[in-house]
Amino acid sequence: MGQRRTEVLAAAIELLDEAGLDALTMRLLASRLGVRASALYRHYPSKQALLDAMVASLVGPAPAWPADAPWEESLRGAASGMREVMLSHRDGARLISGFHNPGDEAIAVFTHLVEAVAGAGVPAGMATVAVDTVLAYANGFTIEEQARKTGWPRGERDSAFDAGLDLIIAGIRGSLPS
């Protein structure tokens, strides 16, 4: 990635954190960088391409799970890690829910999780649904967390998130052949 492209991406993430997703416009970003909005399109062909690059940057490289990690641990780690990334950025969950192209790293994580669940005996199609359900739960829960802006203490939110994740994993475990 070129240096200027990296600067644009970093400025976009900074603007997201300061102003939120709704205020993140190419015009405002260009103003912040001291360029015309049209100059940004040399680096990102559309706003959606920029948003997708932001998602890929926030998701980052795939975690290195031990080869023998239980599938439940991998799912919990991915869901919790994704939630932490989203919570660390204003409107992070909304940003991630709107991607069109998640990037190679996110695809690698998804593929690893599907293989881990399928390796436990869940049929491949159901393993894909299971992983998608866990990640959608993490995203939806976090969207609600970020939208509420109430005094719901972090410890209580963490407990509620973990309880919901436990329910989903129990359902997946229940679908395993006896």
C-alpha atoms as a PDB file:
ATOM      1  CA  MET A   1       0.000   0.000   0.000  1.00  0.00           C
ATOM      2  CA  GLY A   2       1.389   3.399  -0.954  1.00  0.00           C
ATOM      3  CA  GLN A   3       2.257   5.945   1.692  1.00  0.00           C
ATOM      4  CA  ARG A   4      -0.422   8.419   0.619  1.00  0.00           C
ATOM      5  CA  ARG A   5      -3.044   5.659   0.476  1.00  0.00           C
ATOM      6  CA  THR A   6      -2.042   4.663   4.030  1.00  0.00           C
ATOM      7  CA  GLU A   7      -2.368   8.307   5.144  1.00  0.00           C
ATOM      8  CA  VAL A   8      -5.862   8.538   3.637  1.00  0.00           C
ATOM      9  CA  LEU A   9      -6.887   5.323   5.411  1.00  0.00           C
ATOM     10  CA  ALA A  10      -5.490   6.489   8.755  1.00  0.00           C
ATOM     11  CA  ALA A  11      -7.223   9.865   8.413  1.00  0.00           C
ATOM     12  CA  ALA A  12     -10.521   8.122   7.580  1.00  0.00           C
ATOM     13  CA  ILE A  13     -10.297   5.961  10.709  1.00  0.00           C
ATOM     14  CA  GLU A  14      -9.427   9.028  12.791  1.00  0.00           C
ATOM     15  CA  LEU A  15     -12.429  10.868  11.341  1.00  0.00           C
ATOM     16  CA  LEU A  16     -14.656   7.867  12.073  1.00  0.00           C
ATOM     17  CA  ASP A  17     -13.575   7.937  15.710  1.00  0.00           C
ATOM     18  CA  GLU A  18     -14.107  11.700  16.013  1.00  0.00           C
ATOM     19  CA  ALA A  19     -17.274  12.294  14.008  1.00  0.00           C
ATOM     20  CA  GLY A  20     -18.912   8.897  13.465  1.00  0.00           C
ATOM     21  CA  LEU A  21     -19.877   6.934  10.396  1.00  0.00           C
ATOM     22  CA  ASP A  22     -22.685   9.245   9.291  1.00  0.00           C
ATOM     23  CA  ALA A  23     -20.362  12.272   9.206  1.00  0.00           C
ATOM     24  CA  LEU A  24     -17.585  10.439   7.368  1.00  0.00           C
ATOM     25  CA  THR A  25     -17.780  11.897   3.877  1.00  0.00           C
ATOM     26  CA  MET A  26     -15.201  12.005   1.125  1.00  0.00           C
ATOM     27  CA  ARG A  27     -15.510  15.803   1.108  1.00  0.00           C
ATOM     28  CA  LEU A  28     -14.831  16.106   4.852  1.00  0.00           C
ATOM     29  CA  LEU A  29     -11.968  13.632   4.636  1.00  0.00           C
ATOM     30  CA  ALA A  30     -10.438  15.543   1.711  1.00  0.00           C
ATOM     31  CA  SER A  31     -10.748  18.795   3.637  1.00  0.00           C
ATOM     32  CA  ARG A  32      -8.958  17.235   6.584  1.00  0.00           C
ATOM     33  CA  LEU A  33      -6.135  16.119   4.282  1.00  0.00           C
ATOM     34  CA  GLY A  34      -5.971  19.471   2.493  1.00  0.00           C
ATOM     35  CA  VAL A  35      -6.914  18.079  -0.907  1.00  0.00           C
ATOM     36  CA  ARG A  36      -9.950  18.026  -3.169  1.00  0.00           C
ATOM     37  CA  ALA A  37     -12.350  15.128  -2.803  1.00  0.00           C
ATOM     38  CA  SER A  38     -11.552  14.024  -6.351  1.00  0.00           C
ATOM     39  CA  ALA A  39      -7.936  13.390  -5.265  1.00  0.00           C
ATOM     40  CA  LEU A  40      -9.117  10.667  -2.875  1.00  0.00           C
ATOM     41  CA  TYR A  41     -10.554   8.652  -5.741  1.00  0.00           C
ATOM     42  CA  ARG A  42      -7.027   8.007  -7.028  1.00  0.00           C
ATOM     43  CA  HIS A  43      -6.472   5.951  -3.885  1.00  0.00           C
ATOM     44  CA  TYR A  44      -9.975   4.533  -3.390  1.00  0.00           C
ATOM     45  CA  PRO A  45     -12.318   4.342  -6.397  1.00  0.00           C
ATOM     46  CA  SER A  46     -15.422   4.871  -4.232  1.00  0.00           C
ATOM     47  CA  LYS A  47     -16.458   5.618  -0.689  1.00  0.00           C
ATOM     48  CA  GLN A  48     -17.455   1.962  -0.335  1.00  0.00           C
ATOM     49  CA  ALA A  49     -13.928   0.915  -1.348  1.00  0.00           C
ATOM     50  CA  LEU A  50     -12.579   3.192   1.392  1.00  0.00           C
ATOM     51  CA  LEU A  51     -15.026   1.762   3.937  1.00  0.00           C
ATOM     52  CA  ASP A  52     -14.025  -1.784   2.937  1.00  0.00           C
ATOM     53  CA  ALA A  53     -10.345  -0.858   3.342  1.00  0.00           C
ATOM     54  CA  MET A  54     -11.154   0.526   6.787  1.00  0.00           C
ATOM     55  CA  VAL A  55     -12.827  -2.770   7.741  1.00  0.00           C
ATOM     56  CA  ALA A  56      -9.861  -4.770   6.447  1.00  0.00           C
ATOM     57  CA  SER A  57      -7.487  -2.521   8.393  1.00  0.00           C
ATOM     58  CA  LEU A  58      -9.468  -2.839  11.625  1.00  0.00           C
ATOM     59  CA  VAL A  59      -9.877  -6.606  11.309  1.00  0.00           C
ATOM     60  CA  GLY A  60      -6.145  -6.963  10.648  1.00  0.00           C
ATOM     61  CA  PRO A  61      -4.288 -10.206  10.147  1.00  0.00           C
ATOM     62  CA  ALA A  62      -5.864 -13.506  11.081  1.00  0.00           C
ATOM     63  CA  PRO A  63      -5.046 -14.603  14.634  1.00  0.00           C
ATOM     64  CA  ALA A  64      -2.726 -17.568  14.968  1.00  0.00           C
ATOM     65  CA  TRP A  65      -4.816 -20.237  16.654  1.00  0.00           C
ATOM     66  CA  PRO A  66      -3.049 -23.367  17.847  1.00  0.00           C
ATOM     67  CA  ALA A  67      -3.751 -26.232  15.444  1.00  0.00           C
ATOM     68  CA  ASP A  68      -5.358 -28.223  18.248  1.00  0.00           C
ATOM     69  CA  ALA A  69      -7.499 -25.371  19.622  1.00  0.00           C
ATOM     70  CA  PRO A  70     -11.049 -26.563  20.324  1.00  0.00           C
ATOM     71  CA  TRP A  71     -13.567 -25.150  17.850  1.00  0.00           C
ATOM     72  CA  GLU A  72     -15.519 -23.536  20.690  1.00  0.00           C
ATOM     73  CA  GLU A  73     -12.420 -21.637  21.787  1.00  0.00           C
ATOM     74  CA  SER A  74     -11.777 -20.451  18.228  1.00  0.00           C
ATOM     75  CA  LEU A  75     -15.382 -19.238  17.849  1.00  0.00           C
ATOM     76  CA  ARG A  76     -15.317 -17.477  21.212  1.00  0.00           C
ATOM     77  CA  GLY A  77     -11.976 -15.865  20.426  1.00  0.00           C
ATOM     78  CA  ALA A  78     -13.124 -14.644  17.030  1.00  0.00           C
ATOM     79  CA  ALA A  79     -16.442 -13.258  18.323  1.00  0.00           C
ATOM     80  CA  SER A  80     -14.860 -11.579  21.349  1.00  0.00           C
ATOM     81  CA  GLY A  81     -11.967 -10.217  19.316  1.00  0.00           C
ATOM     82  CA  MET A  82     -14.319  -8.833  16.696  1.00  0.00           C
ATOM     83  CA  ARG A  83     -16.422  -7.193  19.406  1.00  0.00           C
ATOM     84  CA  GLU A  84     -13.356  -5.572  20.973  1.00  0.00           C
ATOM     85  CA  VAL A  85     -12.260  -4.170  17.609  1.00  0.00           C
ATOM     86  CA  MET A  86     -15.735  -2.767  16.990  1.00  0.00           C
ATOM     87  CA  LEU A  87     -15.990  -1.265  20.471  1.00  0.00           C
ATOM     88  CA  SER A  88     -12.614   0.430  20.068  1.00  0.00           C
ATOM     89  CA  HIS A  89     -13.972   2.621  17.247  1.00  0.00           C
ATOM     90  CA  ARG A  90     -16.990   4.889  17.193  1.00  0.00           C
ATOM     91  CA  ASP A  91     -19.647   3.188  15.061  1.00  0.00           C
ATOM     92  CA  GLY A  92     -17.221   0.293  14.577  1.00  0.00           C
ATOM     93  CA  ALA A  93     -20.014  -2.288  14.480  1.00  0.00           C
ATOM     94  CA  ARG A  94     -21.985  -0.322  11.901  1.00  0.00           C
ATOM     95  CA  LEU A  95     -18.845   0.078   9.806  1.00  0.00           C
ATOM     96  CA  ILE A  96     -18.096  -3.643   9.877  1.00  0.00           C
ATOM     97  CA  SER A  97     -21.702  -4.610   9.167  1.00  0.00           C
ATOM     98  CA  GLY A  98     -21.649  -2.553   5.972  1.00  0.00           C
ATOM     99  CA  PHE A  99     -18.667  -4.093   4.226  1.00  0.00           C
ATOM    100  CA  HIS A 100     -18.949  -5.281   0.639  1.00  0.00           C
ATOM    101  CA  ASN A 101     -15.489  -6.838   0.431  1.00  0.00           C
ATOM    102  CA  PRO A 102     -14.165  -7.901   3.846  1.00  0.00           C
ATOM    103  CA  GLY A 103     -10.576  -8.444   2.707  1.00  0.00           C
ATOM    104  CA  ASP A 104      -8.344 -11.487   2.598  1.00  0.00           C
ATOM    105  CA  GLU A 105      -7.664 -11.558   6.344  1.00  0.00           C
ATOM    106  CA  ALA A 106     -11.343 -11.646   7.289  1.00  0.00           C
ATOM    107  CA  ILE A 107     -12.006 -14.352   4.690  1.00  0.00           C
ATOM    108  CA  ALA A 108      -9.110 -16.397   6.102  1.00  0.00           C
ATOM    109  CA  VAL A 109     -10.552 -16.140   9.629  1.00  0.00           C
ATOM    110  CA  PHE A 110     -14.012 -17.148   8.423  1.00  0.00           C
ATOM    111  CA  THR A 111     -12.601 -20.105   6.477  1.00  0.00           C
ATOM    112  CA  HIS A 112     -10.538 -21.254   9.466  1.00  0.00           C
ATOM    113  CA  LEU A 113     -13.573 -21.129  11.732  1.00  0.00           C
ATOM    114  CA  VAL A 114     -15.760 -23.057   9.284  1.00  0.00           C
ATOM    115  CA  GLU A 115     -13.047 -25.719   8.965  1.00  0.00           C
ATOM    116  CA  ALA A 116     -12.717 -25.943  12.756  1.00  0.00           C
ATOM    117  CA  VAL A 117     -16.468 -26.411  13.243  1.00  0.00           C
ATOM    118  CA  ALA A 118     -16.708 -28.849  10.329  1.00  0.00           C
ATOM    119  CA  GLY A 119     -13.745 -30.736  11.774  1.00  0.00           C
ATOM    120  CA  ALA A 120     -15.809 -31.332  14.910  1.00  0.00           C
ATOM    121  CA  GLY A 121     -18.403 -33.139  12.825  1.00  0.00           C
ATOM    122  CA  VAL A 122     -20.839 -30.419  11.805  1.00  0.00           C
ATOM    123  CA  PRO A 123     -21.678 -30.782   8.084  1.00  0.00           C
ATOM    124  CA  ALA A 124     -19.884 -28.127   5.981  1.00  0.00           C
ATOM    125  CA  GLY A 125     -23.037 -26.200   5.061  1.00  0.00           C
ATOM    126  CA  MET A 126     -24.180 -26.072   8.672  1.00  0.00           C
ATOM    127  CA  ALA A 127     -20.652 -25.143   9.806  1.00  0.00           C
ATOM    128  CA  THR A 128     -20.819 -22.101   7.532  1.00  0.00           C
ATOM    129  CA  VAL A 129     -24.219 -21.148   8.976  1.00  0.00           C
ATOM    130  CA  ALA A 130     -22.891 -21.665  12.524  1.00  0.00           C
ATOM    131  CA  VAL A 131     -19.881 -19.391  12.007  1.00  0.00           C
ATOM    132  CA  ASP A 132     -21.966 -16.770  10.225  1.00  0.00           C
ATOM    133  CA  THR A 133     -24.467 -16.848  13.106  1.00  0.00           C
ATOM    134  CA  VAL A 134     -21.745 -16.345  15.734  1.00  0.00           C
ATOM    135  CA  LEU A 135     -20.190 -13.425  13.856  1.00  0.00           C
ATOM    136  CA  ALA A 136     -23.592 -11.861  13.114  1.00  0.00           C
ATOM    137  CA  TYR A 137     -24.446 -12.162  16.809  1.00  0.00           C
ATOM    138  CA  ALA A 138     -21.207 -10.388  17.767  1.00  0.00           C
ATOM    139  CA  ASN A 139     -21.913  -7.626  15.273  1.00  0.00           C
ATOM    140  CA  GLY A 140     -25.576  -7.199  16.221  1.00  0.00           C
ATOM    141  CA  PHE A 141     -24.867  -7.209  19.942  1.00  0.00           C
ATOM    142  CA  THR A 142     -22.176  -4.573  19.463  1.00  0.00           C
ATOM    143  CA  ILE A 143     -24.373  -2.396  17.237  1.00  0.00           C
ATOM    144  CA  GLU A 144     -26.903  -2.362  20.087  1.00  0.00           C
ATOM    145  CA  GLU A 145     -24.187  -1.596  22.634  1.00  0.00           C
ATOM    146  CA  GLN A 146     -22.891   1.331  20.634  1.00  0.00           C
ATOM    147  CA  ALA A 147     -26.375   2.665  19.846  1.00  0.00           C
ATOM    148  CA  ARG A 148     -27.711   2.605  23.416  1.00  0.00           C
ATOM    149  CA  LYS A 149     -25.198   5.029  24.920  1.00  0.00           C
ATOM    150  CA  THR A 150     -26.615   4.303  28.357  1.00  0.00           C
ATOM    151  CA  GLY A 151     -24.823   3.655  31.591  1.00  0.00           C
ATOM    152  CA  TRP A 152     -24.919  -0.121  31.082  1.00  0.00           C
ATOM    153  CA  PRO A 153     -21.695  -1.124  32.888  1.00  0.00           C
ATOM    154  CA  ARG A 154     -19.064  -2.855  30.788  1.00  0.00           C
ATOM    155  CA  GLY A 155     -18.942  -5.914  33.060  1.00  0.00           C
ATOM    156  CA  GLU A 156     -22.675  -6.476  32.668  1.00  0.00           C
ATOM    157  CA  ARG A 157     -22.413  -6.035  28.894  1.00  0.00           C
ATOM    158  CA  ASP A 158     -19.562  -8.556  28.790  1.00  0.00           C
ATOM    159  CA  SER A 159     -21.590 -11.054  30.828  1.00  0.00           C
ATOM    160  CA  ALA A 160     -24.633 -10.633  28.598  1.00  0.00           C
ATOM    161  CA  PHE A 161     -22.504 -11.051  25.458  1.00  0.00           C
ATOM    162  CA  ASP A 162     -20.859 -14.200  26.836  1.00  0.00           C
ATOM    163  CA  ALA A 163     -24.239 -15.672  27.868  1.00  0.00           C
ATOM    164  CA  GLY A 164     -25.636 -15.196  24.377  1.00  0.00           C
ATOM    165  CA  LEU A 165     -22.511 -16.679  22.842  1.00  0.00           C
ATOM    166  CA  ASP A 166     -22.829 -19.661  25.202  1.00  0.00           C
ATOM    167  CA  LEU A 167     -26.373 -20.254  23.921  1.00  0.00           C
ATOM    168  CA  ILE A 168     -25.281 -20.217  20.293  1.00  0.00           C
ATOM    169  CA  ILE A 169     -22.320 -22.527  20.934  1.00  0.00           C
ATOM    170  CA  ALA A 170     -24.564 -24.908  22.900  1.00  0.00           C
ATOM    171  CA  GLY A 171     -26.866 -25.039  19.884  1.00  0.00           C
ATOM    172  CA  ILE A 172     -23.961 -25.807  17.587  1.00  0.00           C
ATOM    173  CA  ARG A 173     -22.702 -28.465  19.980  1.00  0.00           C
ATOM    174  CA  GLY A 174     -26.230 -29.940  20.047  1.00  0.00           C
ATOM    175  CA  SER A 175     -26.123 -30.348  16.272  1.00  0.00           C
ATOM    176  CA  LEU A 176     -23.022 -32.564  16.458  1.00  0.00           C
ATOM    177  CA  PRO A 177     -23.534 -36.228  15.670  1.00  0.00           C
ATOM    178  CA  SER A 178     -23.675 -38.418  18.766  1.00  0.00           C
END
